[in-house]
mmCIF file of all heavy atoms, coordinates in Angstrom:
data_MODEL
# 
_entry.id   MODEL 
# 
loop_
_atom_site.group_PDB 
_atom_site.id 
_atom_site.type_symbol 
_atom_site.label_atom_id 
_atom_site.label_alt_id 
_atom_site.label_comp_id 
_atom_site.label_asym_id 
_atom_site.label_entity_id 
_atom_site.label_seq_id 
_atom_site.pdbx_PDB_ins_code 
_atom_site.Cartn_x 
_atom_site.Cartn_y 
_atom_site.Cartn_z 
_atom_site.occupancy 
_atom_site.B_iso_or_equiv 
_atom_site.pdbx_formal_charge 
_atom_site.auth_seq_id 
_atom_site.auth_comp_id 
_atom_site.auth_asym_id 
_atom_site.auth_atom_id 
_atom_site.pdbx_PDB_model_num 
ATOM 1   N N   . TYR A 1 1  ? 108.757 76.311  111.094 1.00 0.00 ? 1  TYR A N   1 
ATOM 2   C CA  . TYR A 1 1  ? 109.514 76.088  109.863 1.00 0.00 ? 1  TYR A CA  1 
ATOM 3   C C   . TYR A 1 1  ? 109.956 77.408  109.309 1.00 0.00 ? 1  TYR A C   1 
ATOM 4   O O   . TYR A 1 1  ? 109.507 78.491  109.708 1.00 0.00 ? 1  TYR A O   1 
ATOM 5   C CB  . TYR A 1 1  ? 108.703 75.279  108.827 1.00 0.00 ? 1  TYR A CB  1 
ATOM 6   C CG  . TYR A 1 1  ? 107.443 75.971  108.443 1.00 0.00 ? 1  TYR A CG  1 
ATOM 7   C CD1 . TYR A 1 1  ? 107.412 76.813  107.322 1.00 0.00 ? 1  TYR A CD1 1 
ATOM 8   C CD2 . TYR A 1 1  ? 106.267 75.814  109.159 1.00 0.00 ? 1  TYR A CD2 1 
ATOM 9   C CE1 . TYR A 1 1  ? 106.253 77.462  106.974 1.00 0.00 ? 1  TYR A CE1 1 
ATOM 10  C CE2 . TYR A 1 1  ? 105.107 76.441  108.800 1.00 0.00 ? 1  TYR A CE2 1 
ATOM 11  C CZ  . TYR A 1 1  ? 105.097 77.266  107.708 1.00 0.00 ? 1  TYR A CZ  1 
ATOM 12  O OH  . TYR A 1 1  ? 103.956 77.899  107.360 1.00 0.00 ? 1  TYR A OH  1 
ATOM 13  N N   . VAL A 1 2  ? 110.846 77.339  108.327 1.00 0.00 ? 2  VAL A N   1 
ATOM 14  C CA  . VAL A 1 2  ? 111.392 78.504  107.676 1.00 0.00 ? 2  VAL A CA  1 
ATOM 15  C C   . VAL A 1 2  ? 110.978 78.460  106.189 1.00 0.00 ? 2  VAL A C   1 
ATOM 16  O O   . VAL A 1 2  ? 111.003 77.413  105.579 1.00 0.00 ? 2  VAL A O   1 
ATOM 17  C CB  . VAL A 1 2  ? 112.938 78.528  107.781 1.00 0.00 ? 2  VAL A CB  1 
ATOM 18  C CG1 . VAL A 1 2  ? 113.534 79.635  106.972 1.00 0.00 ? 2  VAL A CG1 1 
ATOM 19  C CG2 . VAL A 1 2  ? 113.364 78.621  109.225 1.00 0.00 ? 2  VAL A CG2 1 
ATOM 20  N N   . THR A 1 3  ? 110.615 79.640  105.678 1.00 0.00 ? 3  THR A N   1 
ATOM 21  C CA  . THR A 1 3  ? 110.400 79.754  104.235 1.00 0.00 ? 3  THR A CA  1 
ATOM 22  C C   . THR A 1 3  ? 111.428 80.731  103.664 1.00 0.00 ? 3  THR A C   1 
ATOM 23  O O   . THR A 1 3  ? 111.748 81.727  104.299 1.00 0.00 ? 3  THR A O   1 
ATOM 24  C CB  . THR A 1 3  ? 109.000 80.291  103.871 1.00 0.00 ? 3  THR A CB  1 
ATOM 25  O OG1 . THR A 1 3  ? 108.828 81.593  104.425 1.00 0.00 ? 3  THR A OG1 1 
ATOM 26  C CG2 . THR A 1 3  ? 107.898 79.360  104.368 1.00 0.00 ? 3  THR A CG2 1 
ATOM 27  N N   . THR A 1 4  ? 111.911 80.385  102.513 1.00 0.00 ? 4  THR A N   1 
ATOM 28  C CA  . THR A 1 4  ? 112.748 81.305  101.752 1.00 0.00 ? 4  THR A CA  1 
ATOM 29  C C   . THR A 1 4  ? 112.007 81.564  100.471 1.00 0.00 ? 4  THR A C   1 
ATOM 30  O O   . THR A 1 4  ? 111.865 80.657  99.622  1.00 0.00 ? 4  THR A O   1 
ATOM 31  C CB  . THR A 1 4  ? 114.147 80.689  101.466 1.00 0.00 ? 4  THR A CB  1 
ATOM 32  O OG1 . THR A 1 4  ? 114.725 80.312  102.719 1.00 0.00 ? 4  THR A OG1 1 
ATOM 33  C CG2 . THR A 1 4  ? 115.050 81.681  100.760 1.00 0.00 ? 4  THR A CG2 1 
ATOM 34  N N   . SER A 1 5  ? 111.433 82.759  100.358 1.00 0.00 ? 5  SER A N   1 
ATOM 35  C CA  . SER A 1 5  ? 110.543 83.073  99.237  1.00 0.00 ? 5  SER A CA  1 
ATOM 36  C C   . SER A 1 5  ? 111.244 83.910  98.200  1.00 0.00 ? 5  SER A C   1 
ATOM 37  O O   . SER A 1 5  ? 112.095 84.735  98.511  1.00 0.00 ? 5  SER A O   1 
ATOM 38  C CB  . SER A 1 5  ? 109.338 83.880  99.746  1.00 0.00 ? 5  SER A CB  1 
ATOM 39  O OG  . SER A 1 5  ? 108.632 83.127  100.691 1.00 0.00 ? 5  SER A OG  1 
ATOM 40  N N   . GLY A 1 6  ? 110.834 83.682  96.957  1.00 0.00 ? 6  GLY A N   1 
ATOM 41  C CA  . GLY A 1 6  ? 111.332 84.495  95.863  1.00 0.00 ? 6  GLY A CA  1 
ATOM 42  C C   . GLY A 1 6  ? 110.553 85.775  95.733  1.00 0.00 ? 6  GLY A C   1 
ATOM 43  O O   . GLY A 1 6  ? 109.646 86.062  96.520  1.00 0.00 ? 6  GLY A O   1 
ATOM 44  N N   . ALA A 1 7  ? 110.902 86.561  94.759  1.00 0.00 ? 7  ALA A N   1 
ATOM 45  C CA  . ALA A 1 7  ? 110.230 87.835  94.502  1.00 0.00 ? 7  ALA A CA  1 
ATOM 46  C C   . ALA A 1 7  ? 108.760 87.625  94.086  1.00 0.00 ? 7  ALA A C   1 
ATOM 47  O O   . ALA A 1 7  ? 108.415 86.608  93.503  1.00 0.00 ? 7  ALA A O   1 
ATOM 48  C CB  . ALA A 1 7  ? 110.968 88.623  93.424  1.00 0.00 ? 7  ALA A CB  1 
ATOM 49  N N   . SER A 1 8  ? 107.924 88.615  94.419  1.00 0.00 ? 8  SER A N   1 
ATOM 50  C CA  . SER A 1 8  ? 106.524 88.614  94.024  1.00 0.00 ? 8  SER A CA  1 
ATOM 51  C C   . SER A 1 8  ? 106.140 90.005  93.555  1.00 0.00 ? 8  SER A C   1 
ATOM 52  O O   . SER A 1 8  ? 106.712 91.001  93.973  1.00 0.00 ? 8  SER A O   1 
ATOM 53  C CB  . SER A 1 8  ? 105.640 88.248  95.216  1.00 0.00 ? 8  SER A CB  1 
ATOM 54  O OG  . SER A 1 8  ? 105.909 86.958  95.670  1.00 0.00 ? 8  SER A OG  1 
ATOM 55  N N   . LYS A 1 9  ? 105.153 90.035  92.665  1.00 0.00 ? 9  LYS A N   1 
ATOM 56  C CA  . LYS A 1 9  ? 104.640 91.321  92.163  1.00 0.00 ? 9  LYS A CA  1 
ATOM 57  C C   . LYS A 1 9  ? 103.136 91.284  92.241  1.00 0.00 ? 9  LYS A C   1 
ATOM 58  O O   . LYS A 1 9  ? 102.497 90.264  91.986  1.00 0.00 ? 9  LYS A O   1 
ATOM 59  C CB  . LYS A 1 9  ? 105.024 91.546  90.712  1.00 0.00 ? 9  LYS A CB  1 
ATOM 60  C CG  . LYS A 1 9  ? 106.529 91.717  90.517  1.00 0.00 ? 9  LYS A CG  1 
ATOM 61  C CD  . LYS A 1 9  ? 106.848 91.918  89.044  1.00 0.00 ? 9  LYS A CD  1 
ATOM 62  C CE  . LYS A 1 9  ? 108.340 91.985  88.842  1.00 0.00 ? 9  LYS A CE  1 
ATOM 63  N NZ  . LYS A 1 9  ? 108.695 92.058  87.407  1.00 0.00 ? 9  LYS A NZ  1 
ATOM 64  N N   . VAL A 1 10 ? 102.552 92.455  92.587  1.00 0.00 ? 10 VAL A N   1 
ATOM 65  C CA  . VAL A 1 10 ? 101.111 92.627  92.555  1.00 0.00 ? 10 VAL A CA  1 
ATOM 66  C C   . VAL A 1 10 ? 100.814 93.607  91.415  1.00 0.00 ? 10 VAL A C   1 
ATOM 67  O O   . VAL A 1 10 ? 101.389 94.680  91.349  1.00 0.00 ? 10 VAL A O   1 
ATOM 68  C CB  . VAL A 1 10 ? 100.591 93.193  93.914  1.00 0.00 ? 10 VAL A CB  1 
ATOM 69  C CG1 . VAL A 1 10 ? 99.087  93.441  93.846  1.00 0.00 ? 10 VAL A CG1 1 
ATOM 70  C CG2 . VAL A 1 10 ? 100.953 92.255  95.051  1.00 0.00 ? 10 VAL A CG2 1 
ATOM 71  N N   . PHE A 1 11 ? 99.930  93.166  90.516  1.00 0.00 ? 11 PHE A N   1 
ATOM 72  C CA  . PHE A 1 11 ? 99.575  93.998  89.346  1.00 0.00 ? 11 PHE A CA  1 
ATOM 73  C C   . PHE A 1 11 ? 98.177  94.556  89.504  1.00 0.00 ? 11 PHE A C   1 
ATOM 74  O O   . PHE A 1 11 ? 97.304  93.906  90.057  1.00 0.00 ? 11 PHE A O   1 
ATOM 75  C CB  . PHE A 1 11 ? 99.601  93.135  88.078  1.00 0.00 ? 11 PHE A CB  1 
ATOM 76  C CG  . PHE A 1 11 ? 100.968 92.529  87.785  1.00 0.00 ? 11 PHE A CG  1 
ATOM 77  C CD1 . PHE A 1 11 ? 101.317 91.299  88.222  1.00 0.00 ? 11 PHE A CD1 1 
ATOM 78  C CD2 . PHE A 1 11 ? 101.885 93.236  86.997  1.00 0.00 ? 11 PHE A CD2 1 
ATOM 79  C CE1 . PHE A 1 11 ? 102.549 90.758  87.959  1.00 0.00 ? 11 PHE A CE1 1 
ATOM 80  C CE2 . PHE A 1 11 ? 103.113 92.721  86.714  1.00 0.00 ? 11 PHE A CE2 1 
ATOM 81  C CZ  . PHE A 1 11 ? 103.455 91.478  87.189  1.00 0.00 ? 11 PHE A CZ  1 
ATOM 82  N N   . ASP A 1 12 ? 97.985  95.774  89.017  1.00 0.00 ? 12 ASP A N   1 
ATOM 83  C CA  . ASP A 1 12 ? 96.638  96.346  89.008  1.00 0.00 ? 12 ASP A CA  1 
ATOM 84  C C   . ASP A 1 12 ? 95.911  95.882  87.766  1.00 0.00 ? 12 ASP A C   1 
ATOM 85  O O   . ASP A 1 12 ? 96.449  95.096  86.973  1.00 0.00 ? 12 ASP A O   1 
ATOM 86  C CB  . ASP A 1 12 ? 96.671  97.866  89.154  1.00 0.00 ? 12 ASP A CB  1 
ATOM 87  C CG  . ASP A 1 12 ? 97.281  98.579  87.933  1.00 0.00 ? 12 ASP A CG  1 
ATOM 88  O OD1 . ASP A 1 12 ? 97.447  97.952  86.853  1.00 0.00 ? 12 ASP A OD1 1 
ATOM 89  O OD2 . ASP A 1 12 ? 97.583  99.789  88.066  1.00 0.00 ? 12 ASP A OD2 1 
ATOM 90  N N   . ARG A 1 13 ? 94.669  96.338  87.592  1.00 0.00 ? 13 ARG A N   1 
ATOM 91  C CA  . ARG A 1 13 ? 93.877  95.849  86.477  1.00 0.00 ? 13 ARG A CA  1 
ATOM 92  C C   . ARG A 1 13 ? 94.432  96.187  85.108  1.00 0.00 ? 13 ARG A C   1 
ATOM 93  O O   . ARG A 1 13 ? 94.166  95.495  84.124  1.00 0.00 ? 13 ARG A O   1 
ATOM 94  C CB  . ARG A 1 13 ? 92.443  96.323  86.584  1.00 0.00 ? 13 ARG A CB  1 
ATOM 95  C CG  . ARG A 1 13 ? 92.257  97.807  86.249  1.00 0.00 ? 13 ARG A CG  1 
ATOM 96  C CD  . ARG A 1 13 ? 90.809  98.239  86.043  1.00 0.00 ? 13 ARG A CD  1 
ATOM 97  N NE  . ARG A 1 13 ? 89.846  97.440  86.705  1.00 0.00 ? 13 ARG A NE  1 
ATOM 98  C CZ  . ARG A 1 13 ? 89.089  97.840  87.728  1.00 0.00 ? 13 ARG A CZ  1 
ATOM 99  N NH1 . ARG A 1 13 ? 89.197  99.049  88.158  1.00 0.00 ? 13 ARG A NH1 1 
ATOM 100 N NH2 . ARG A 1 13 ? 88.226  97.039  88.290  1.00 0.00 ? 13 ARG A NH2 1 
ATOM 101 N N   . SER A 1 14 ? 95.270  97.231  85.014  1.00 0.00 ? 14 SER A N   1 
ATOM 102 C CA  . SER A 1 14 ? 95.848  97.572  83.701  1.00 0.00 ? 14 SER A CA  1 
ATOM 103 C C   . SER A 1 14 ? 97.150  96.837  83.437  1.00 0.00 ? 14 SER A C   1 
ATOM 104 O O   . SER A 1 14 ? 97.761  97.007  82.395  1.00 0.00 ? 14 SER A O   1 
ATOM 105 C CB  . SER A 1 14 ? 96.089  99.079  83.634  1.00 0.00 ? 14 SER A CB  1 
ATOM 106 O OG  . SER A 1 14 ? 97.108  99.476  84.526  1.00 0.00 ? 14 SER A OG  1 
ATOM 107 N N   . GLY A 1 15 ? 97.573  95.987  84.406  1.00 0.00 ? 15 GLY A N   1 
ATOM 108 C CA  . GLY A 1 15 ? 98.820  95.235  84.220  1.00 0.00 ? 15 GLY A CA  1 
ATOM 109 C C   . GLY A 1 15 ? 100.058 95.916  84.744  1.00 0.00 ? 15 GLY A C   1 
ATOM 110 O O   . GLY A 1 15 ? 101.161 95.389  84.609  1.00 0.00 ? 15 GLY A O   1 
ATOM 111 N N   . ARG A 1 16 ? 99.882  97.109  85.317  1.00 0.00 ? 16 ARG A N   1 
ATOM 112 C CA  . ARG A 1 16 ? 101.021 97.813  85.911  1.00 0.00 ? 16 ARG A CA  1 
ATOM 113 C C   . ARG A 1 16 ? 101.351 97.214  87.262  1.00 0.00 ? 16 ARG A C   1 
ATOM 114 O O   . ARG A 1 16 ? 100.467 96.786  88.004  1.00 0.00 ? 16 ARG A O   1 
ATOM 115 C CB  . ARG A 1 16 ? 100.712 99.288  86.113  1.00 0.00 ? 16 ARG A CB  1 
ATOM 116 C CG  . ARG A 1 16 ? 100.695 100.102 84.840  1.00 0.00 ? 16 ARG A CG  1 
ATOM 117 C CD  . ARG A 1 16 ? 100.472 101.523 85.185  1.00 0.00 ? 16 ARG A CD  1 
ATOM 118 N NE  . ARG A 1 16 ? 99.244  101.576 85.986  1.00 0.00 ? 16 ARG A NE  1 
ATOM 119 C CZ  . ARG A 1 16 ? 98.504  102.630 86.225  1.00 0.00 ? 16 ARG A CZ  1 
ATOM 120 N NH1 . ARG A 1 16 ? 98.908  103.781 85.758  1.00 0.00 ? 16 ARG A NH1 1 
ATOM 121 N NH2 . ARG A 1 16 ? 97.432  102.577 86.950  1.00 0.00 ? 16 ARG A NH2 1 
ATOM 122 N N   . VAL A 1 17 ? 102.646 97.174  87.565  1.00 0.00 ? 17 VAL A N   1 
ATOM 123 C CA  . VAL A 1 17 ? 103.076 96.659  88.860  1.00 0.00 ? 17 VAL A CA  1 
ATOM 124 C C   . VAL A 1 17 ? 102.692 97.665  89.925  1.00 0.00 ? 17 VAL A C   1 
ATOM 125 O O   . VAL A 1 17 ? 103.101 98.839  89.865  1.00 0.00 ? 17 VAL A O   1 
ATOM 126 C CB  . VAL A 1 17 ? 104.598 96.419  88.871  1.00 0.00 ? 17 VAL A CB  1 
ATOM 127 C CG1 . VAL A 1 17 ? 105.064 95.989  90.257  1.00 0.00 ? 17 VAL A CG1 1 
ATOM 128 C CG2 . VAL A 1 17 ? 104.995 95.363  87.832  1.00 0.00 ? 17 VAL A CG2 1 
ATOM 129 N N   . GLU A 1 18 ? 101.881 97.240  90.870  1.00 0.00 ? 18 GLU A N   1 
ATOM 130 C CA  . GLU A 1 18 ? 101.439 98.116  91.957  1.00 0.00 ? 18 GLU A CA  1 
ATOM 131 C C   . GLU A 1 18 ? 102.369 97.981  93.164  1.00 0.00 ? 18 GLU A C   1 
ATOM 132 O O   . GLU A 1 18 ? 102.662 98.942  93.865  1.00 0.00 ? 18 GLU A O   1 
ATOM 133 C CB  . GLU A 1 18 ? 100.010 97.804  92.382  1.00 0.00 ? 18 GLU A CB  1 
ATOM 134 C CG  . GLU A 1 18 ? 99.518  98.759  93.434  1.00 0.00 ? 18 GLU A CG  1 
ATOM 135 C CD  . GLU A 1 18 ? 98.022  98.711  93.592  1.00 0.00 ? 18 GLU A CD  1 
ATOM 136 O OE1 . GLU A 1 18 ? 97.305  98.980  92.621  1.00 0.00 ? 18 GLU A OE1 1 
ATOM 137 O OE2 . GLU A 1 18 ? 97.602  98.369  94.709  1.00 0.00 ? 18 GLU A OE2 1 
ATOM 138 N N   . ASP A 1 19 ? 102.829 96.765  93.429  1.00 0.00 ? 19 ASP A N   1 
ATOM 139 C CA  . ASP A 1 19 ? 103.735 96.516  94.547  1.00 0.00 ? 19 ASP A CA  1 
ATOM 140 C C   . ASP A 1 19 ? 104.734 95.421  94.140  1.00 0.00 ? 19 ASP A C   1 
ATOM 141 O O   . ASP A 1 19 ? 104.379 94.525  93.359  1.00 0.00 ? 19 ASP A O   1 
ATOM 142 C CB  . ASP A 1 19 ? 102.989 96.021  95.789  1.00 0.00 ? 19 ASP A CB  1 
ATOM 143 C CG  . ASP A 1 19 ? 102.182 97.105  96.463  1.00 0.00 ? 19 ASP A CG  1 
ATOM 144 O OD1 . ASP A 1 19 ? 102.766 98.174  96.749  1.00 0.00 ? 19 ASP A OD1 1 
ATOM 145 O OD2 . ASP A 1 19 ? 100.964 96.905  96.687  1.00 0.00 ? 19 ASP A OD2 1 
ATOM 146 N N   . ARG A 1 20 ? 105.956 95.537  94.660  1.00 0.00 ? 20 ARG A N   1 
ATOM 147 C CA  . ARG A 1 20 ? 107.003 94.550  94.445  1.00 0.00 ? 20 ARG A CA  1 
ATOM 148 C C   . ARG A 1 20 ? 107.499 94.107  95.806  1.00 0.00 ? 20 ARG A C   1 
ATOM 149 O O   . ARG A 1 20 ? 107.634 94.909  96.724  1.00 0.00 ? 20 ARG A O   1 
ATOM 150 C CB  . ARG A 1 20 ? 108.195 95.134  93.702  1.00 0.00 ? 20 ARG A CB  1 
ATOM 151 C CG  . ARG A 1 20 ? 107.976 95.485  92.311  1.00 0.00 ? 20 ARG A CG  1 
ATOM 152 C CD  . ARG A 1 20 ? 109.305 96.098  91.773  1.00 0.00 ? 20 ARG A CD  1 
ATOM 153 N NE  . ARG A 1 20 ? 109.026 96.861  90.578  1.00 0.00 ? 20 ARG A NE  1 
ATOM 154 C CZ  . ARG A 1 20 ? 109.083 96.343  89.361  1.00 0.00 ? 20 ARG A CZ  1 
ATOM 155 N NH1 . ARG A 1 20 ? 109.413 95.095  89.174  1.00 0.00 ? 20 ARG A NH1 1 
ATOM 156 N NH2 . ARG A 1 20 ? 108.814 97.091  88.329  1.00 0.00 ? 20 ARG A NH2 1 
ATOM 157 N N   . TYR A 1 21 ? 107.832 92.839  95.890  1.00 0.00 ? 21 TYR A N   1 
ATOM 158 C CA  . TYR A 1 21 ? 108.361 92.289  97.109  1.00 0.00 ? 21 TYR A CA  1 
ATOM 159 C C   . TYR A 1 21 ? 109.568 91.420  96.745  1.00 0.00 ? 21 TYR A C   1 
ATOM 160 O O   . TYR A 1 21 ? 109.457 90.555  95.870  1.00 0.00 ? 21 TYR A O   1 
ATOM 161 C CB  . TYR A 1 21 ? 107.294 91.493  97.880  1.00 0.00 ? 21 TYR A CB  1 
ATOM 162 C CG  . TYR A 1 21 ? 106.179 92.416  98.216  1.00 0.00 ? 21 TYR A CG  1 
ATOM 163 C CD1 . TYR A 1 21 ? 105.079 92.571  97.346  1.00 0.00 ? 21 TYR A CD1 1 
ATOM 164 C CD2 . TYR A 1 21 ? 106.224 93.222  99.357  1.00 0.00 ? 21 TYR A CD2 1 
ATOM 165 C CE1 . TYR A 1 21 ? 104.073 93.467  97.610  1.00 0.00 ? 21 TYR A CE1 1 
ATOM 166 C CE2 . TYR A 1 21 ? 105.211 94.114  99.602  1.00 0.00 ? 21 TYR A CE2 1 
ATOM 167 C CZ  . TYR A 1 21 ? 104.133 94.233  98.730  1.00 0.00 ? 21 TYR A CZ  1 
ATOM 168 O OH  . TYR A 1 21 ? 103.132 95.131  99.019  1.00 0.00 ? 21 TYR A OH  1 
ATOM 169 N N   . THR A 1 22 ? 110.664 91.670  97.388  1.00 0.00 ? 22 THR A N   1 
ATOM 170 C CA  . THR A 1 22 ? 111.904 90.980  97.052  1.00 0.00 ? 22 THR A CA  1 
ATOM 171 C C   . THR A 1 22 ? 111.964 89.570  97.579  1.00 0.00 ? 22 THR A C   1 
ATOM 172 O O   . THR A 1 22 ? 112.816 88.784  97.160  1.00 0.00 ? 22 THR A O   1 
ATOM 173 C CB  . THR A 1 22 ? 113.121 91.766  97.572  1.00 0.00 ? 22 THR A CB  1 
ATOM 174 O OG1 . THR A 1 22 ? 112.994 91.893  98.985  1.00 0.00 ? 22 THR A OG1 1 
ATOM 175 C CG2 . THR A 1 22 ? 113.246 93.119  96.930  1.00 0.00 ? 22 THR A CG2 1 
ATOM 176 N N   . GLY A 1 23 ? 111.080 89.221  98.492  1.00 0.00 ? 23 GLY A N   1 
ATOM 177 C CA  . GLY A 1 23 ? 111.136 87.911  99.094  1.00 0.00 ? 23 GLY A CA  1 
ATOM 178 C C   . GLY A 1 23 ? 112.091 87.897  100.257 1.00 0.00 ? 23 GLY A C   1 
ATOM 179 O O   . GLY A 1 23 ? 112.484 88.943  100.758 1.00 0.00 ? 23 GLY A O   1 
ATOM 180 N N   . GLY A 1 24 ? 112.534 86.767  100.676 1.00 0.00 ? 24 GLY A N   1 
ATOM 181 C CA  . GLY A 1 24 ? 113.462 86.643  101.763 1.00 0.00 ? 24 GLY A CA  1 
ATOM 182 C C   . GLY A 1 24 ? 113.111 85.450  102.656 1.00 0.00 ? 24 GLY A C   1 
ATOM 183 O O   . GLY A 1 24 ? 112.335 84.586  102.283 1.00 0.00 ? 24 GLY A O   1 
ATOM 184 N N   . THR A 1 25 ? 113.711 85.430  103.806 1.00 0.00 ? 25 THR A N   1 
ATOM 185 C CA  . THR A 1 25 ? 113.532 84.315  104.731 1.00 0.00 ? 25 THR A CA  1 
ATOM 186 C C   . THR A 1 25 ? 112.646 84.732  105.908 1.00 0.00 ? 25 THR A C   1 
ATOM 187 O O   . THR A 1 25 ? 112.809 85.809  106.478 1.00 0.00 ? 25 THR A O   1 
ATOM 188 C CB  . THR A 1 25 ? 114.896 83.844  105.266 1.00 0.00 ? 25 THR A CB  1 
ATOM 189 O OG1 . THR A 1 25 ? 115.700 83.451  104.156 1.00 0.00 ? 25 THR A OG1 1 
ATOM 190 C CG2 . THR A 1 25 ? 114.767 82.670  106.217 1.00 0.00 ? 25 THR A CG2 1 
ATOM 191 N N   . SER A 1 26 ? 111.681 83.862  106.212 1.00 0.00 ? 26 SER A N   1 
ATOM 192 C CA  . SER A 1 26 ? 110.767 84.095  107.325 1.00 0.00 ? 26 SER A CA  1 
ATOM 193 C C   . SER A 1 26 ? 110.600 82.815  108.132 1.00 0.00 ? 26 SER A C   1 
ATOM 194 O O   . SER A 1 26 ? 110.695 81.704  107.575 1.00 0.00 ? 26 SER A O   1 
ATOM 195 C CB  . SER A 1 26 ? 109.399 84.547  106.834 1.00 0.00 ? 26 SER A CB  1 
ATOM 196 O OG  . SER A 1 26 ? 109.480 85.727  106.105 1.00 0.00 ? 26 SER A OG  1 
ATOM 197 N N   . ARG A 1 27 ? 110.317 82.947  109.407 1.00 0.00 ? 27 ARG A N   1 
ATOM 198 C CA  . ARG A 1 27 ? 110.063 81.792  110.251 1.00 0.00 ? 27 ARG A CA  1 
ATOM 199 C C   . ARG A 1 27 ? 108.615 81.868  110.723 1.00 0.00 ? 27 ARG A C   1 
ATOM 200 O O   . ARG A 1 27 ? 108.120 82.918  111.093 1.00 0.00 ? 27 ARG A O   1 
ATOM 201 C CB  . ARG A 1 27 ? 110.996 81.821  111.457 1.00 0.00 ? 27 ARG A CB  1 
ATOM 202 C CG  . ARG A 1 27 ? 110.883 80.593  112.331 1.00 0.00 ? 27 ARG A CG  1 
ATOM 203 C CD  . ARG A 1 27 ? 112.110 80.475  113.272 1.00 0.00 ? 27 ARG A CD  1 
ATOM 204 N NE  . ARG A 1 27 ? 112.076 79.236  113.971 1.00 0.00 ? 27 ARG A NE  1 
ATOM 205 C CZ  . ARG A 1 27 ? 112.416 78.050  113.480 1.00 0.00 ? 27 ARG A CZ  1 
ATOM 206 N NH1 . ARG A 1 27 ? 112.858 77.945  112.239 1.00 0.00 ? 27 ARG A NH1 1 
ATOM 207 N NH2 . ARG A 1 27 ? 112.340 76.937  114.202 1.00 0.00 ? 27 ARG A NH2 1 
ATOM 208 N N   . PHE A 1 28 ? 107.928 80.717  110.658 1.00 0.00 ? 28 PHE A N   1 
ATOM 209 C CA  . PHE A 1 28 ? 106.528 80.639  111.026 1.00 0.00 ? 28 PHE A CA  1 
ATOM 210 C C   . PHE A 1 28 ? 106.284 79.583  112.067 1.00 0.00 ? 28 PHE A C   1 
ATOM 211 O O   . PHE A 1 28 ? 107.022 78.591  112.156 1.00 0.00 ? 28 PHE A O   1 
ATOM 212 C CB  . PHE A 1 28 ? 105.657 80.303  109.793 1.00 0.00 ? 28 PHE A CB  1 
ATOM 213 C CG  . PHE A 1 28 ? 105.600 81.401  108.792 1.00 0.00 ? 28 PHE A CG  1 
ATOM 214 C CD1 . PHE A 1 28 ? 106.507 81.467  107.749 1.00 0.00 ? 28 PHE A CD1 1 
ATOM 215 C CD2 . PHE A 1 28 ? 104.651 82.411  108.914 1.00 0.00 ? 28 PHE A CD2 1 
ATOM 216 C CE1 . PHE A 1 28 ? 106.449 82.501  106.824 1.00 0.00 ? 28 PHE A CE1 1 
ATOM 217 C CE2 . PHE A 1 28 ? 104.608 83.440  108.011 1.00 0.00 ? 28 PHE A CE2 1 
ATOM 218 C CZ  . PHE A 1 28 ? 105.503 83.490  106.964 1.00 0.00 ? 28 PHE A CZ  1 
ATOM 219 N N   . GLN A 1 29 ? 105.210 79.772  112.819 1.00 0.00 ? 29 GLN A N   1 
ATOM 220 C CA  . GLN A 1 29 ? 104.702 78.743  113.738 1.00 0.00 ? 29 GLN A CA  1 
ATOM 221 C C   . GLN A 1 29 ? 103.267 78.483  113.314 1.00 0.00 ? 29 GLN A C   1 
ATOM 222 O O   . GLN A 1 29 ? 102.479 79.427  113.110 1.00 0.00 ? 29 GLN A O   1 
ATOM 223 C CB  . GLN A 1 29 ? 104.740 79.222  115.182 1.00 0.00 ? 29 GLN A CB  1 
ATOM 224 C CG  . GLN A 1 29 ? 104.357 78.125  116.164 1.00 0.00 ? 29 GLN A CG  1 
ATOM 225 C CD  . GLN A 1 29 ? 104.470 78.570  117.588 1.00 0.00 ? 29 GLN A CD  1 
ATOM 226 O OE1 . GLN A 1 29 ? 103.568 79.196  118.101 1.00 0.00 ? 29 GLN A OE1 1 
ATOM 227 N NE2 . GLN A 1 29 ? 105.621 78.258  118.195 1.00 0.00 ? 29 GLN A NE2 1 
# 
């Protein structure tokens, strides 16, 4: 199947954004 994902953010303990991911399309088995 295919997933089309939205953006995601990973926050550290102080609430600062540690990582950002724009999302996109992926295919999985």
